[in-house]
Amino acid sequence: MEEELMLNESVDTEIPSEPENEPMIYIGPNIVAFGLMRFQVYRGGLPLTVKKAVEKIPEIRELIVPVSELEEMRQKIDKAGTNEARLFYTVQTEAEKFNVEYRRELHGAKGRRSV
């Protein structure tokens, strides 16, 4: 019951909406713990899991862009010293903490099942 209430709560993440119904694409690093994969495209809004990820790592919101901006953003991420490269690195560093915990829980759960 409590989980149902949590899923129905609105999450204010201030992620830009799709301009003129254009799909959005995540251009950050893979974050297995949140199910975020680089170059994953979203149509019709972002799922709750992505919004929750933004709550944990706010910089993610700047790495979700309209598909039309993909090539420009990729170039900026690849160029050292740009704000986009810094954002990518920040998200990658923060994400690793969540991924380590996720793997720890995953392996711990498997270990308990096999005993």
Protein backbone atom coordinates (compact mmCIF):
# COMPACT_ATOMS: atom_id res chain seq x y z
CA MET A 1 0.00 0.00 0.00
CA GLU A 2 2.79 2.43 0.93
CA GLU A 3 4.64 1.55 -2.28
CA GLU A 4 1.50 2.35 -4.30
CA LEU A 5 1.30 5.78 -2.70
CA MET A 6 4.95 6.44 -3.49
CA LEU A 7 4.47 5.53 -7.16
CA ASN A 8 1.49 7.85 -7.48
CA GLU A 9 3.29 10.84 -5.94
CA SER A 10 4.34 13.50 -8.38
CA VAL A 11 8.05 14.13 -8.62
CA ASP A 12 9.17 17.67 -9.42
CA THR A 13 12.45 17.21 -11.26
CA GLU A 14 12.34 20.22 -13.58
CA ILE A 15 13.40 18.15 -16.58
CA PRO A 16 12.70 20.06 -19.77
CA SER A 17 9.58 18.90 -21.53
CA GLU A 18 9.67 17.59 -25.06
CA PRO A 19 9.74 20.52 -27.48
CA GLU A 20 6.85 20.07 -29.91
CA ASN A 21 6.55 16.41 -28.93
CA GLU A 22 10.16 15.72 -29.91
CA PRO A 23 11.58 12.61 -28.23
CA MET A 24 14.19 13.14 -25.53
CA ILE A 25 17.46 11.20 -25.30
CA TYR A 26 19.71 10.46 -22.35
CA ILE A 27 23.33 11.19 -23.26
CA GLY A 28 24.98 10.41 -19.93
CA PRO A 29 26.79 7.28 -18.78
CA ASN A 30 25.00 3.98 -18.14
CA ILE A 31 23.57 3.80 -14.65
CA VAL A 32 22.44 0.23 -14.09
CA ALA A 33 21.09 1.00 -10.64
CA PHE A 34 18.49 3.34 -12.20
CA GLY A 35 18.02 1.50 -15.49
CA LEU A 36 19.47 4.44 -17.41
CA MET A 37 21.30 3.54 -20.59
CA ARG A 38 23.24 5.98 -22.73
CA PHE A 39 21.32 7.05 -25.84
CA GLN A 40 18.03 5.70 -24.52
CA VAL A 41 15.16 7.61 -26.15
CA TYR A 42 11.98 8.62 -24.33
CA ARG A 43 8.72 9.55 -26.02
CA GLY A 44 5.69 10.96 -24.28
CA GLY A 45 7.53 11.96 -21.12
CA LEU A 46 10.00 10.39 -18.76
CA PRO A 47 9.30 7.30 -16.65
CA LEU A 48 9.23 7.54 -12.87
CA THR A 49 12.53 5.65 -12.61
CA VAL A 50 14.29 8.42 -14.55
CA LYS A 51 12.68 11.09 -12.38
CA LYS A 52 13.84 9.26 -9.26
CA ALA A 53 17.37 9.07 -10.72
CA VAL A 54 17.32 12.85 -11.21
CA GLU A 55 16.35 13.27 -7.56
CA LYS A 56 19.48 11.33 -6.55
CA ILE A 57 21.83 12.86 -9.16
CA PRO A 58 20.40 16.24 -10.27
CA GLU A 59 22.99 16.69 -13.04
CA ILE A 60 21.27 13.91 -14.99
CA ARG A 61 18.53 16.36 -15.99
CA GLU A 62 21.02 18.32 -18.10
CA LEU A 63 22.01 15.15 -19.94
CA ILE A 64 18.46 14.50 -21.15
CA VAL A 65 18.08 16.54 -24.32
CA PRO A 66 15.89 16.67 -27.42
CA VAL A 67 17.03 14.15 -30.03
CA SER A 68 17.71 17.04 -32.43
CA GLU A 69 20.52 18.21 -30.09
CA LEU A 70 22.22 14.82 -29.86
CA GLU A 71 25.16 15.43 -32.19
CA GLU A 72 25.94 18.88 -30.79
CA MET A 73 25.85 17.57 -27.22
CA ARG A 74 28.03 14.55 -28.07
CA GLN A 75 30.68 16.88 -29.46
CA LYS A 76 30.57 19.04 -26.35
CA ILE A 77 30.84 16.00 -24.06
CA ASP A 78 33.87 14.78 -26.01
CA LYS A 79 35.64 18.15 -25.71
CA ALA A 80 37.59 18.46 -22.45
CA GLY A 81 36.80 21.51 -20.37
CA THR A 82 33.23 22.05 -21.53
CA ASN A 83 30.34 22.21 -19.10
CA GLU A 84 28.86 19.13 -20.80
CA ALA A 85 32.07 17.13 -20.30
CA ARG A 86 32.09 18.15 -16.64
CA LEU A 87 28.45 17.11 -16.26
CA PHE A 88 29.11 13.73 -17.84
CA TYR A 89 32.09 13.12 -15.54
CA THR A 90 30.12 14.24 -12.46
CA VAL A 91 27.23 11.93 -13.29
CA GLN A 92 29.62 9.07 -14.05
CA THR A 93 31.38 9.52 -10.69
CA GLU A 94 28.13 9.77 -8.72
CA ALA A 95 26.53 6.91 -10.65
CA GLU A 96 29.34 4.54 -9.76
CA LYS A 97 28.39 4.83 -6.08
CA PHE A 98 24.82 3.75 -6.87
CA ASN A 99 26.00 1.02 -9.25
CA VAL A 100 28.34 -0.43 -6.61
CA GLU A 101 25.51 -0.53 -4.08
CA TYR A 102 23.18 -2.06 -6.68
CA ARG A 103 25.70 -4.80 -7.49
CA ARG A 104 26.26 -5.42 -3.78
CA GLU A 105 22.52 -5.87 -3.24
CA LEU A 106 22.20 -8.02 -6.35
CA HIS A 107 25.01 -10.35 -5.34
CA GLY A 108 23.85 -10.40 -1.75
CA ALA A 109 20.38 -11.45 -2.88
CA LYS A 110 21.82 -14.22 -5.04
CA GLY A 111 23.97 -15.40 -2.16
CA ARG A 112 20.98 -15.65 0.16
CA ARG A 113 19.00 -17.65 -2.39
CA SER A 114 21.74 -20.21 -2.90
CA VAL A 115 22.17 -20.94 0.83
